[in-house]
Amino acid sequence: MTNEERKHKKAVKKIKTAVRNAVSKGVSKKVIEDTVGQAIIKATEKVATKKAAVKITPAKEAPAKKAVAKKASVKKAVAKEAPAEEAVAKPI
């Protein structure tokens, strides 16, 4: 079952429950048919506009500039000598 079929079944189920609730409340059949018809028309228009919008939007183009890897600055590692501390005898 595709995603579209699932959505369709879900929509039909919602409509059926709404109609059942309306009938139980005493709403006339003509009013129910009109509202269901309008809902279906709105849904089909919504789908059509979405499909048209998808066709219109162009795909993103690749950037014209190629990414150039930056060269890491080469620094010579200079070994620093630790300062030589002279051992000084401290008086106790």
N, C-alpha and C. Protein backbone atom coordinates (compact mmCIF):
# COMPACT_ATOMS: atom_id res chain seq x y z
N MET A 1 0.84 -1.17 0.00
CA MET A 1 0.00 0.00 0.00
C MET A 1 0.89 1.24 0.00
N THR A 2 0.65 2.11 -0.96
CA THR A 2 1.47 3.31 -1.06
C THR A 2 0.99 4.37 -0.07
N ASN A 3 1.78 5.38 0.05
CA ASN A 3 1.47 6.47 0.97
C ASN A 3 0.19 7.18 0.55
N GLU A 4 0.01 7.36 -0.75
CA GLU A 4 -1.20 8.03 -1.25
C GLU A 4 -2.45 7.23 -0.89
N GLU A 5 -2.38 5.92 -1.04
CA GLU A 5 -3.53 5.08 -0.72
C GLU A 5 -3.87 5.17 0.77
N ARG A 6 -2.82 5.20 1.60
CA ARG A 6 -3.05 5.33 3.04
C ARG A 6 -3.73 6.64 3.38
N LYS A 7 -3.25 7.72 2.77
CA LYS A 7 -3.85 9.03 3.01
C LYS A 7 -5.30 9.07 2.54
N HIS A 8 -5.56 8.43 1.40
CA HIS A 8 -6.91 8.41 0.85
C HIS A 8 -7.86 7.66 1.79
N LYS A 9 -7.41 6.51 2.26
CA LYS A 9 -8.24 5.73 3.18
C LYS A 9 -8.52 6.50 4.46
N LYS A 10 -7.51 7.18 4.96
CA LYS A 10 -7.67 7.96 6.18
C LYS A 10 -8.68 9.09 5.97
N ALA A 11 -8.60 9.75 4.81
CA ALA A 11 -9.53 10.84 4.51
C ALA A 11 -10.96 10.32 4.39
N VAL A 12 -11.12 9.17 3.72
CA VAL A 12 -12.45 8.58 3.56
C VAL A 12 -13.03 8.22 4.92
N LYS A 13 -12.18 7.68 5.79
CA LYS A 13 -12.63 7.30 7.13
C LYS A 13 -13.10 8.52 7.91
N LYS A 14 -12.35 9.63 7.80
CA LYS A 14 -12.73 10.87 8.48
C LYS A 14 -14.06 11.38 7.97
N ILE A 15 -14.25 11.33 6.65
CA ILE A 15 -15.50 11.80 6.06
C ILE A 15 -16.67 10.94 6.55
N LYS A 16 -16.47 9.63 6.56
CA LYS A 16 -17.54 8.72 7.00
C LYS A 16 -17.94 9.00 8.44
N THR A 17 -16.95 9.20 9.31
CA THR A 17 -17.28 9.46 10.71
C THR A 17 -17.98 10.80 10.86
N ALA A 18 -17.54 11.80 10.09
CA ALA A 18 -18.18 13.11 10.16
C ALA A 18 -19.63 13.03 9.70
N VAL A 19 -19.89 12.27 8.62
CA VAL A 19 -21.25 12.11 8.10
C VAL A 19 -22.11 11.37 9.13
N ARG A 20 -21.55 10.33 9.71
CA ARG A 20 -22.29 9.55 10.71
C ARG A 20 -22.68 10.43 11.91
N ASN A 21 -21.74 11.26 12.36
CA ASN A 21 -22.02 12.16 13.49
C ASN A 21 -23.07 13.19 13.11
N ALA A 22 -23.00 13.70 11.88
CA ALA A 22 -23.96 14.71 11.44
C ALA A 22 -25.36 14.11 11.34
N VAL A 23 -25.46 12.89 10.83
CA VAL A 23 -26.76 12.22 10.71
C VAL A 23 -27.35 11.98 12.10
N SER A 24 -26.50 11.60 13.03
CA SER A 24 -27.01 11.34 14.39
C SER A 24 -27.49 12.62 15.06
N LYS A 25 -26.95 13.77 14.65
CA LYS A 25 -27.38 15.05 15.23
C LYS A 25 -28.63 15.59 14.53
N GLY A 26 -28.99 15.00 13.39
CA GLY A 26 -30.21 15.43 12.71
C GLY A 26 -29.99 16.43 11.59
N VAL A 27 -28.80 16.49 11.03
CA VAL A 27 -28.52 17.40 9.92
C VAL A 27 -29.10 16.78 8.66
N SER A 28 -29.64 17.63 7.77
CA SER A 28 -30.30 17.10 6.57
C SER A 28 -29.27 16.52 5.60
N LYS A 29 -29.73 15.59 4.77
CA LYS A 29 -28.83 14.92 3.82
C LYS A 29 -28.28 15.89 2.79
N LYS A 30 -29.08 16.84 2.38
CA LYS A 30 -28.64 17.82 1.37
C LYS A 30 -27.46 18.63 1.90
N VAL A 31 -27.55 19.09 3.13
CA VAL A 31 -26.46 19.87 3.73
C VAL A 31 -25.19 19.03 3.83
N ILE A 32 -25.34 17.77 4.22
CA ILE A 32 -24.19 16.87 4.34
C ILE A 32 -23.54 16.65 2.98
N GLU A 33 -24.36 16.41 1.94
CA GLU A 33 -23.82 16.19 0.60
C GLU A 33 -23.09 17.43 0.10
N ASP A 34 -23.65 18.61 0.37
CA ASP A 34 -23.00 19.85 -0.08
C ASP A 34 -21.64 20.04 0.59
N THR A 35 -21.59 19.83 1.89
CA THR A 35 -20.33 20.04 2.61
C THR A 35 -19.27 19.02 2.21
N VAL A 36 -19.71 17.78 2.01
CA VAL A 36 -18.75 16.74 1.58
C VAL A 36 -18.24 17.07 0.18
N GLY A 37 -19.12 17.48 -0.69
CA GLY A 37 -18.71 17.85 -2.05
C GLY A 37 -17.72 19.00 -2.05
N GLN A 38 -17.98 20.02 -1.22
CA GLN A 38 -17.06 21.16 -1.13
C GLN A 38 -15.71 20.73 -0.57
N ALA A 39 -15.73 19.84 0.40
CA ALA A 39 -14.47 19.36 0.99
C ALA A 39 -13.64 18.61 -0.04
N ILE A 40 -14.32 17.80 -0.86
CA ILE A 40 -13.60 17.04 -1.89
C ILE A 40 -13.01 17.99 -2.93
N ILE A 41 -13.77 19.00 -3.33
CA ILE A 41 -13.27 19.97 -4.31
C ILE A 41 -12.05 20.70 -3.77
N LYS A 42 -12.13 21.15 -2.53
CA LYS A 42 -11.00 21.86 -1.92
C LYS A 42 -9.76 20.98 -1.86
N ALA A 43 -9.96 19.71 -1.52
CA ALA A 43 -8.83 18.79 -1.41
C ALA A 43 -8.17 18.56 -2.76
N THR A 44 -8.97 18.40 -3.82
CA THR A 44 -8.39 18.19 -5.15
C THR A 44 -7.66 19.44 -5.63
N GLU A 45 -8.19 20.62 -5.32
CA GLU A 45 -7.50 21.86 -5.71
C GLU A 45 -6.17 21.98 -4.97
N LYS A 46 -6.18 21.62 -3.70
CA LYS A 46 -4.96 21.69 -2.89
C LYS A 46 -3.87 20.79 -3.46
N VAL A 47 -4.25 19.59 -3.86
CA VAL A 47 -3.30 18.64 -4.44
C VAL A 47 -2.76 19.18 -5.75
N ALA A 48 -3.65 19.75 -6.57
CA ALA A 48 -3.23 20.28 -7.87
C ALA A 48 -2.24 21.44 -7.70
N THR A 49 -2.49 22.31 -6.73
CA THR A 49 -1.57 23.43 -6.52
C THR A 49 -0.22 22.94 -6.01
N LYS A 50 -0.23 21.91 -5.17
CA LYS A 50 1.04 21.37 -4.68
C LYS A 50 1.86 20.78 -5.82
N LYS A 51 1.18 20.04 -6.69
CA LYS A 51 1.90 19.42 -7.81
C LYS A 51 2.45 20.49 -8.74
N ALA A 52 1.69 21.55 -8.97
CA ALA A 52 2.15 22.63 -9.83
C ALA A 52 3.34 23.34 -9.20
N ALA A 53 3.31 23.53 -7.91
CA ALA A 53 4.41 24.20 -7.22
C ALA A 53 5.68 23.37 -7.29
N VAL A 54 5.54 22.06 -7.22
CA VAL A 54 6.71 21.19 -7.29
C VAL A 54 7.34 21.26 -8.67
N LYS A 55 6.52 21.33 -9.71
CA LYS A 55 7.05 21.39 -11.07
C LYS A 55 7.74 22.72 -11.35
N ILE A 56 7.26 23.80 -10.74
CA ILE A 56 7.80 25.13 -11.02
C ILE A 56 9.16 25.33 -10.37
N THR A 57 9.35 24.89 -9.16
CA THR A 57 10.59 25.16 -8.45
C THR A 57 11.77 24.46 -9.13
N PRO A 58 12.78 25.23 -9.52
CA PRO A 58 13.94 24.62 -10.17
C PRO A 58 14.84 23.94 -9.16
N ALA A 59 15.59 23.00 -9.67
CA ALA A 59 16.54 22.30 -8.79
C ALA A 59 17.69 23.24 -8.46
N LYS A 60 18.26 23.07 -7.30
CA LYS A 60 19.38 23.92 -6.90
C LYS A 60 20.58 23.61 -7.77
N GLU A 61 21.22 24.68 -8.23
CA GLU A 61 22.39 24.49 -9.07
C GLU A 61 23.64 24.38 -8.21
N ALA A 62 24.61 23.67 -8.75
CA ALA A 62 25.87 23.52 -8.04
C ALA A 62 26.60 24.86 -8.06
N PRO A 63 27.32 25.19 -7.03
CA PRO A 63 28.05 26.46 -7.03
C PRO A 63 29.09 26.50 -8.13
N ALA A 64 29.26 27.67 -8.76
CA ALA A 64 30.19 27.81 -9.87
C ALA A 64 31.64 27.70 -9.39
N LYS A 65 31.89 28.14 -8.18
CA LYS A 65 33.23 28.11 -7.64
C LYS A 65 33.51 26.75 -7.02
N LYS A 66 34.61 26.19 -7.34
CA LYS A 66 34.98 24.91 -6.74
C LYS A 66 35.64 25.20 -5.40
N ALA A 67 35.37 24.37 -4.46
CA ALA A 67 35.97 24.54 -3.14
C ALA A 67 37.44 24.17 -3.22
N VAL A 68 38.27 25.08 -2.83
CA VAL A 68 39.72 24.85 -2.86
C VAL A 68 40.18 24.60 -1.43
N ALA A 69 40.89 23.52 -1.28
CA ALA A 69 41.40 23.19 0.06
C ALA A 69 42.47 24.21 0.43
N LYS A 70 42.32 24.81 1.57
CA LYS A 70 43.30 25.79 2.01
C LYS A 70 44.53 25.06 2.53
N LYS A 71 45.67 25.62 2.18
CA LYS A 71 46.91 25.01 2.64
C LYS A 71 47.16 25.43 4.08
N ALA A 72 47.50 24.47 4.86
CA ALA A 72 47.81 24.77 6.26
C ALA A 72 49.15 25.49 6.31
N SER A 73 49.22 26.51 7.15
CA SER A 73 50.48 27.23 7.25
C SER A 73 51.54 26.31 7.85
N VAL A 74 52.66 26.29 7.18
CA VAL A 74 53.72 25.39 7.62
C VAL A 74 54.64 26.15 8.57
N LYS A 75 54.66 25.72 9.78
CA LYS A 75 55.56 26.33 10.76
C LYS A 75 56.54 25.25 11.20
N LYS A 76 57.74 25.65 11.25
CA LYS A 76 58.74 24.69 11.70
C LYS A 76 58.63 24.57 13.21
N ALA A 77 58.60 23.37 13.62
CA ALA A 77 58.54 23.14 15.06
C ALA A 77 59.91 23.40 15.65
N VAL A 78 59.96 24.37 16.51
CA VAL A 78 61.23 24.68 17.15
C VAL A 78 61.19 24.09 18.55
N ALA A 79 62.15 23.25 18.80
CA ALA A 79 62.20 22.62 20.13
C ALA A 79 62.68 23.65 21.12
N LYS A 80 61.84 23.92 22.07
CA LYS A 80 62.23 24.89 23.09
C LYS A 80 62.88 24.11 24.24
N GLU A 81 63.96 24.65 24.64
CA GLU A 81 64.64 24.00 25.73
C GLU A 81 64.08 24.54 27.04
N ALA A 82 63.86 23.64 27.96
CA ALA A 82 63.39 24.06 29.27
C ALA A 82 64.52 24.80 29.97
N PRO A 83 64.20 25.87 30.63
CA PRO A 83 65.29 26.61 31.31
C PRO A 83 65.93 25.72 32.38
N ALA A 84 67.22 25.68 32.33
CA ALA A 84 67.93 24.83 33.29
C ALA A 84 67.97 25.54 34.63
N GLU A 85 67.36 24.94 35.59
CA GLU A 85 67.37 25.52 36.93
C GLU A 85 68.48 24.86 37.73
N GLU A 86 69.17 25.70 38.34
CA GLU A 86 70.26 25.16 39.15
C GLU A 86 69.71 24.73 40.48
N ALA A 87 70.17 23.62 40.91
CA ALA A 87 69.72 23.12 42.20
C ALA A 87 70.38 23.95 43.29
N VAL A 88 69.61 24.67 44.04
CA VAL A 88 70.16 25.51 45.09
C VAL A 88 69.78 24.88 46.42
N ALA A 89 70.73 24.71 47.23
CA ALA A 89 70.47 24.13 48.54
C ALA A 89 69.83 25.18 49.42
N LYS A 90 68.64 24.86 49.88
CA LYS A 90 67.95 25.81 50.74
C LYS A 90 68.27 25.49 52.17
N PRO A 91 68.53 26.51 52.96
CA PRO A 91 68.79 26.25 54.37
C PRO A 91 67.50 25.84 55.07
N ILE A 92 67.61 24.88 55.89
CA ILE A 92 66.43 24.35 56.59
C ILE A 92 66.18 25.12 57.83
